[in-house]
N, C-alpha and C. Protein backbone atom coordinates (compact mmCIF):
# COMPACT_ATOMS: atom_id res chain seq x y z
N UNK A 1 -58.45 146.21 -18.71
CA UNK A 1 -57.60 146.97 -17.84
C UNK A 1 -57.28 146.19 -16.57
N UNK A 2 -58.23 145.42 -16.08
CA UNK A 2 -58.01 144.64 -14.87
C UNK A 2 -56.95 143.57 -15.13
N UNK A 3 -57.07 142.90 -16.27
CA UNK A 3 -56.08 141.88 -16.62
C UNK A 3 -54.68 142.50 -16.75
N UNK A 4 -54.60 143.66 -17.36
CA UNK A 4 -53.31 144.33 -17.50
C UNK A 4 -52.74 144.70 -16.14
N UNK A 5 -53.56 145.18 -15.24
CA UNK A 5 -53.09 145.55 -13.90
C UNK A 5 -52.52 144.34 -13.17
N UNK A 6 -53.19 143.21 -13.28
CA UNK A 6 -52.69 141.98 -12.62
C UNK A 6 -51.40 141.52 -13.28
N UNK A 7 -51.40 141.48 -14.60
CA UNK A 7 -50.19 141.03 -15.32
C UNK A 7 -49.03 141.99 -15.08
N UNK A 8 -49.27 143.28 -15.06
CA UNK A 8 -48.21 144.26 -14.85
C UNK A 8 -47.63 144.14 -13.44
N UNK A 9 -48.47 143.90 -12.44
CA UNK A 9 -47.98 143.74 -11.06
C UNK A 9 -47.07 142.53 -10.95
N UNK A 10 -47.48 141.43 -11.58
CA UNK A 10 -46.64 140.22 -11.56
C UNK A 10 -45.34 140.46 -12.31
N UNK A 11 -45.42 141.07 -13.48
CA UNK A 11 -44.24 141.33 -14.29
C UNK A 11 -43.26 142.26 -13.57
N UNK A 12 -43.76 143.32 -12.97
CA UNK A 12 -42.88 144.27 -12.27
C UNK A 12 -42.24 143.62 -11.06
N UNK A 13 -42.99 142.79 -10.33
CA UNK A 13 -42.41 142.07 -9.19
C UNK A 13 -41.29 141.13 -9.64
N UNK A 14 -41.53 140.41 -10.73
CA UNK A 14 -40.48 139.53 -11.25
C UNK A 14 -39.26 140.32 -11.70
N UNK A 15 -39.49 141.43 -12.37
CA UNK A 15 -38.39 142.26 -12.85
C UNK A 15 -37.56 142.81 -11.69
N UNK A 16 -38.22 143.30 -10.65
CA UNK A 16 -37.50 143.80 -9.48
C UNK A 16 -36.73 142.69 -8.78
N UNK A 17 -37.32 141.50 -8.71
CA UNK A 17 -36.63 140.36 -8.11
C UNK A 17 -35.38 139.97 -8.89
N UNK A 18 -35.49 139.95 -10.20
CA UNK A 18 -34.33 139.61 -11.04
C UNK A 18 -33.23 140.65 -10.84
N UNK A 19 -33.59 141.91 -10.82
CA UNK A 19 -32.59 142.97 -10.63
C UNK A 19 -31.94 142.85 -9.26
N UNK A 20 -32.72 142.63 -8.22
CA UNK A 20 -32.18 142.55 -6.87
C UNK A 20 -31.27 141.34 -6.68
N UNK A 21 -31.69 140.18 -7.16
CA UNK A 21 -30.84 138.99 -7.04
C UNK A 21 -29.59 139.12 -7.92
N UNK A 22 -29.72 139.76 -9.07
CA UNK A 22 -28.55 140.00 -9.91
C UNK A 22 -27.55 140.91 -9.23
N UNK A 23 -28.02 141.96 -8.57
CA UNK A 23 -27.11 142.85 -7.84
C UNK A 23 -26.43 142.12 -6.70
N UNK A 24 -27.18 141.30 -5.98
CA UNK A 24 -26.59 140.53 -4.87
C UNK A 24 -25.50 139.59 -5.37
N UNK A 25 -25.73 138.92 -6.47
CA UNK A 25 -24.72 138.02 -7.02
C UNK A 25 -23.51 138.80 -7.52
N UNK A 26 -23.73 139.94 -8.13
CA UNK A 26 -22.64 140.78 -8.60
C UNK A 26 -21.77 141.25 -7.42
N UNK A 27 -22.41 141.65 -6.31
CA UNK A 27 -21.66 142.09 -5.13
C UNK A 27 -20.83 140.95 -4.56
N UNK A 28 -21.40 139.75 -4.49
CA UNK A 28 -20.65 138.59 -3.99
C UNK A 28 -19.46 138.28 -4.90
N UNK A 29 -19.67 138.36 -6.19
CA UNK A 29 -18.59 138.12 -7.14
C UNK A 29 -17.50 139.18 -7.00
N UNK A 30 -17.87 140.43 -6.77
CA UNK A 30 -16.89 141.49 -6.59
C UNK A 30 -16.06 141.27 -5.32
N UNK A 31 -16.69 140.78 -4.26
CA UNK A 31 -15.97 140.50 -3.01
C UNK A 31 -14.98 139.35 -3.23
N UNK A 32 -15.41 138.30 -3.90
CA UNK A 32 -14.51 137.17 -4.20
C UNK A 32 -13.34 137.60 -5.07
N UNK A 33 -13.62 138.41 -6.06
CA UNK A 33 -12.57 138.90 -6.93
C UNK A 33 -11.59 139.77 -6.16
N UNK A 34 -12.09 140.59 -5.25
CA UNK A 34 -11.21 141.42 -4.44
C UNK A 34 -10.28 140.60 -3.56
N UNK A 35 -10.80 139.53 -2.98
CA UNK A 35 -9.96 138.65 -2.14
C UNK A 35 -8.88 137.99 -2.98
N UNK A 36 -9.23 137.50 -4.17
CA UNK A 36 -8.23 136.87 -5.05
C UNK A 36 -7.17 137.87 -5.49
N UNK A 37 -7.60 139.05 -5.90
CA UNK A 37 -6.64 140.07 -6.36
C UNK A 37 -5.73 140.51 -5.22
N UNK A 38 -6.28 140.64 -4.02
CA UNK A 38 -5.45 141.02 -2.87
C UNK A 38 -4.41 139.96 -2.55
N UNK A 39 -4.79 138.69 -2.63
CA UNK A 39 -3.84 137.60 -2.37
C UNK A 39 -2.77 137.57 -3.46
N UNK A 40 -3.14 137.79 -4.71
CA UNK A 40 -2.15 137.83 -5.78
C UNK A 40 -1.18 138.99 -5.60
N UNK A 41 -1.69 140.13 -5.15
CA UNK A 41 -0.84 141.28 -4.89
C UNK A 41 0.15 140.96 -3.77
N UNK A 42 -0.31 140.27 -2.73
CA UNK A 42 0.53 139.98 -1.56
C UNK A 42 1.58 138.92 -1.85
N UNK A 43 1.29 137.93 -2.71
CA UNK A 43 2.25 136.84 -2.90
C UNK A 43 3.49 137.26 -3.66
N UNK A 44 3.40 138.33 -4.41
CA UNK A 44 4.59 138.79 -5.14
C UNK A 44 5.28 139.96 -4.44
N UNK A 45 4.84 140.27 -3.22
CA UNK A 45 5.45 141.33 -2.44
C UNK A 45 5.85 140.83 -1.06
N UNK A 46 6.52 139.68 -1.06
CA UNK A 46 7.04 139.10 0.17
C UNK A 46 8.39 139.68 0.54
N UNK A 47 9.04 139.07 1.51
CA UNK A 47 10.30 139.61 2.04
C UNK A 47 11.46 139.53 1.04
N UNK A 48 11.39 138.65 0.04
CA UNK A 48 12.48 138.52 -0.93
C UNK A 48 12.23 139.32 -2.21
N UNK A 49 11.15 140.07 -2.27
CA UNK A 49 10.79 140.76 -3.51
C UNK A 49 11.46 142.11 -3.69
N UNK A 50 11.89 142.73 -2.61
CA UNK A 50 12.45 144.07 -2.70
C UNK A 50 11.40 145.16 -2.62
N UNK A 51 10.15 144.80 -2.61
CA UNK A 51 9.04 145.76 -2.46
C UNK A 51 7.99 145.15 -1.53
N UNK A 52 8.36 144.97 -0.29
CA UNK A 52 7.53 144.31 0.71
C UNK A 52 6.29 145.16 0.98
N UNK A 53 5.15 144.50 1.09
CA UNK A 53 3.91 145.19 1.41
C UNK A 53 3.45 144.80 2.81
N UNK A 54 2.47 145.52 3.30
CA UNK A 54 1.87 145.21 4.59
C UNK A 54 0.36 145.14 4.42
N UNK A 55 -0.35 144.97 5.53
CA UNK A 55 -1.80 144.84 5.46
C UNK A 55 -2.46 146.08 4.86
N UNK A 56 -1.95 147.25 5.20
CA UNK A 56 -2.52 148.49 4.67
C UNK A 56 -2.30 148.59 3.16
N UNK A 57 -1.15 148.14 2.68
CA UNK A 57 -0.89 148.15 1.25
C UNK A 57 -1.83 147.24 0.49
N UNK A 58 -2.08 146.06 1.04
CA UNK A 58 -3.02 145.12 0.40
C UNK A 58 -4.43 145.71 0.42
N UNK A 59 -4.83 146.30 1.55
CA UNK A 59 -6.17 146.89 1.66
C UNK A 59 -6.34 148.03 0.65
N UNK A 60 -5.35 148.88 0.51
CA UNK A 60 -5.43 149.98 -0.45
C UNK A 60 -5.53 149.46 -1.88
N UNK A 61 -4.78 148.40 -2.18
CA UNK A 61 -4.82 147.82 -3.52
C UNK A 61 -6.22 147.24 -3.82
N UNK A 62 -6.76 146.48 -2.87
CA UNK A 62 -8.08 145.88 -3.08
C UNK A 62 -9.14 146.97 -3.23
N UNK A 63 -9.08 147.99 -2.41
CA UNK A 63 -10.06 149.08 -2.50
C UNK A 63 -9.94 149.85 -3.81
N UNK A 64 -8.73 149.92 -4.36
CA UNK A 64 -8.57 150.63 -5.63
C UNK A 64 -9.09 149.80 -6.81
N UNK A 65 -9.17 148.49 -6.65
CA UNK A 65 -9.61 147.62 -7.75
C UNK A 65 -11.11 147.31 -7.72
N UNK A 66 -11.79 147.62 -6.64
CA UNK A 66 -13.20 147.28 -6.55
C UNK A 66 -14.08 148.45 -6.95
N UNK A 67 -15.27 148.15 -7.42
CA UNK A 67 -16.23 149.19 -7.77
C UNK A 67 -17.27 149.35 -6.66
N UNK A 68 -17.14 148.56 -5.61
CA UNK A 68 -18.01 148.72 -4.45
C UNK A 68 -17.55 149.94 -3.67
N UNK A 69 -18.37 150.38 -2.73
CA UNK A 69 -17.99 151.56 -1.95
C UNK A 69 -16.79 151.26 -1.05
N UNK A 70 -16.24 152.29 -0.47
CA UNK A 70 -15.01 152.15 0.32
C UNK A 70 -15.25 151.52 1.69
N UNK A 71 -16.45 151.04 1.96
CA UNK A 71 -16.75 150.45 3.27
C UNK A 71 -16.30 149.00 3.37
N UNK A 72 -15.61 148.48 2.37
CA UNK A 72 -15.15 147.10 2.47
C UNK A 72 -14.03 147.02 3.50
N UNK A 73 -13.94 145.88 4.16
CA UNK A 73 -12.92 145.63 5.17
C UNK A 73 -12.01 144.54 4.64
N UNK A 74 -10.70 144.80 4.63
CA UNK A 74 -9.72 143.85 4.12
C UNK A 74 -8.79 143.47 5.27
N UNK A 75 -8.70 142.17 5.54
CA UNK A 75 -7.84 141.65 6.60
C UNK A 75 -6.83 140.71 5.95
N UNK A 76 -5.55 140.98 6.15
CA UNK A 76 -4.49 140.18 5.56
C UNK A 76 -3.64 139.57 6.65
N UNK A 77 -3.39 138.26 6.56
CA UNK A 77 -2.52 137.58 7.52
C UNK A 77 -1.49 136.74 6.77
N UNK A 78 -0.27 136.74 7.28
CA UNK A 78 0.80 135.92 6.74
C UNK A 78 1.12 134.85 7.76
N UNK A 79 1.32 133.62 7.30
CA UNK A 79 1.61 132.52 8.22
C UNK A 79 2.82 131.75 7.72
N UNK A 80 3.93 131.69 8.37
CA UNK A 80 4.27 132.36 9.63
C UNK A 80 4.78 133.78 9.43
N UNK A 81 5.37 134.09 8.27
CA UNK A 81 5.88 135.43 8.00
C UNK A 81 5.76 135.70 6.50
N UNK A 82 6.46 136.70 6.01
CA UNK A 82 6.35 137.09 4.60
C UNK A 82 7.42 136.46 3.71
N UNK A 83 8.11 135.43 4.20
CA UNK A 83 9.16 134.78 3.41
C UNK A 83 8.55 133.86 2.35
N UNK A 84 9.30 133.60 1.26
CA UNK A 84 8.78 132.70 0.22
C UNK A 84 8.41 131.33 0.80
N UNK A 85 7.29 130.81 0.37
CA UNK A 85 6.79 129.54 0.87
C UNK A 85 5.77 129.68 1.98
N UNK A 86 5.65 130.87 2.55
CA UNK A 86 4.65 131.12 3.59
C UNK A 86 3.27 131.30 2.96
N UNK A 87 2.25 131.18 3.77
CA UNK A 87 0.89 131.38 3.30
C UNK A 87 0.43 132.80 3.59
N UNK A 88 -0.31 133.37 2.66
CA UNK A 88 -0.95 134.66 2.89
C UNK A 88 -2.45 134.46 2.67
N UNK A 89 -3.24 134.97 3.60
CA UNK A 89 -4.70 134.87 3.51
C UNK A 89 -5.28 136.28 3.51
N UNK A 90 -6.11 136.55 2.53
CA UNK A 90 -6.78 137.84 2.42
C UNK A 90 -8.27 137.60 2.58
N UNK A 91 -8.87 138.28 3.57
CA UNK A 91 -10.32 138.19 3.80
C UNK A 91 -10.93 139.55 3.49
N UNK A 92 -12.01 139.56 2.74
CA UNK A 92 -12.70 140.79 2.38
C UNK A 92 -14.14 140.69 2.83
N UNK A 93 -14.62 141.74 3.51
CA UNK A 93 -16.01 141.79 3.97
C UNK A 93 -16.64 143.08 3.47
N UNK A 94 -17.94 142.99 3.18
CA UNK A 94 -18.68 144.16 2.70
C UNK A 94 -20.11 144.08 3.23
N UNK A 95 -20.56 145.16 3.82
CA UNK A 95 -21.94 145.23 4.30
C UNK A 95 -22.83 145.66 3.13
N UNK A 96 -23.64 144.73 2.64
CA UNK A 96 -24.53 145.02 1.51
C UNK A 96 -25.85 145.54 2.05
N UNK A 97 -26.25 146.72 1.61
CA UNK A 97 -27.52 147.27 2.10
C UNK A 97 -28.71 146.59 1.44
N UNK A 98 -29.86 146.80 2.00
CA UNK A 98 -31.10 146.30 1.39
C UNK A 98 -31.47 147.25 0.26
N UNK A 99 -31.65 146.71 -0.93
CA UNK A 99 -31.99 147.57 -2.07
C UNK A 99 -33.38 147.30 -2.63
N UNK A 100 -34.04 146.30 -2.13
CA UNK A 100 -35.36 145.96 -2.65
C UNK A 100 -36.16 145.19 -1.61
N UNK A 101 -37.33 144.72 -1.97
CA UNK A 101 -38.21 144.07 -1.00
C UNK A 101 -37.93 142.58 -0.76
N UNK A 102 -37.00 141.99 -1.51
CA UNK A 102 -36.85 140.55 -1.44
C UNK A 102 -35.71 140.08 -0.53
N UNK A 103 -34.58 140.77 -0.53
CA UNK A 103 -33.42 140.36 0.25
C UNK A 103 -33.16 141.33 1.39
N UNK A 104 -32.78 140.79 2.55
CA UNK A 104 -32.45 141.63 3.69
C UNK A 104 -31.02 142.15 3.56
N UNK A 105 -30.69 143.16 4.36
CA UNK A 105 -29.31 143.63 4.42
C UNK A 105 -28.45 142.50 4.98
N UNK A 106 -27.22 142.39 4.50
CA UNK A 106 -26.37 141.29 4.92
C UNK A 106 -24.91 141.69 4.77
N UNK A 107 -24.03 140.88 5.30
CA UNK A 107 -22.60 141.09 5.15
C UNK A 107 -22.04 139.95 4.31
N UNK A 108 -21.51 140.28 3.16
CA UNK A 108 -20.86 139.30 2.29
C UNK A 108 -19.39 139.24 2.64
N UNK A 109 -18.80 138.05 2.56
CA UNK A 109 -17.37 137.92 2.83
C UNK A 109 -16.78 136.81 1.96
N UNK A 110 -15.49 136.95 1.71
CA UNK A 110 -14.76 135.95 0.93
C UNK A 110 -13.32 135.97 1.39
N UNK A 111 -12.64 134.85 1.20
CA UNK A 111 -11.22 134.79 1.54
C UNK A 111 -10.48 134.01 0.47
N UNK A 112 -9.18 134.31 0.37
CA UNK A 112 -8.32 133.63 -0.59
C UNK A 112 -6.97 133.41 0.09
N UNK A 113 -6.45 132.18 -0.04
CA UNK A 113 -5.16 131.83 0.54
C UNK A 113 -4.22 131.38 -0.58
N UNK A 114 -3.01 131.95 -0.60
CA UNK A 114 -2.02 131.60 -1.60
C UNK A 114 -0.64 131.52 -0.94
N UNK A 115 0.31 130.98 -1.67
CA UNK A 115 1.68 130.82 -1.17
C UNK A 115 2.54 131.97 -1.68
N UNK A 116 3.29 132.60 -0.77
CA UNK A 116 4.18 133.71 -1.13
C UNK A 116 5.27 133.20 -2.07
N UNK A 117 5.44 133.89 -3.20
CA UNK A 117 6.41 133.47 -4.21
C UNK A 117 7.74 134.16 -4.02
N UNK A 118 7.75 135.46 -3.82
CA UNK A 118 9.00 136.23 -3.70
C UNK A 118 9.14 136.81 -2.32
């Protein structure tokens, strides 16, 4: 029984660590995917597209595509404007809570820059 208690403690600690690190990586991947999807949404909705979007439209689109909670922050900038050939940058931030004993609470962020097509 003593050997089982020691082995079980080690096994459960490893299992919790794997789950926690897996969740952290999944959250980072979701943030990166949100930034890419937001930039793709913005590049086809420039001033020549006939359906121009703004920062709020990009934020709503990214929030609708993510499975994370609605606390993500989406910041969209166009340089110099929304005309074809301009750059659009979408930054996404998410405050990840502490879910286990191994990783502290942190803020994950990602950005994606693309060229406006329409």
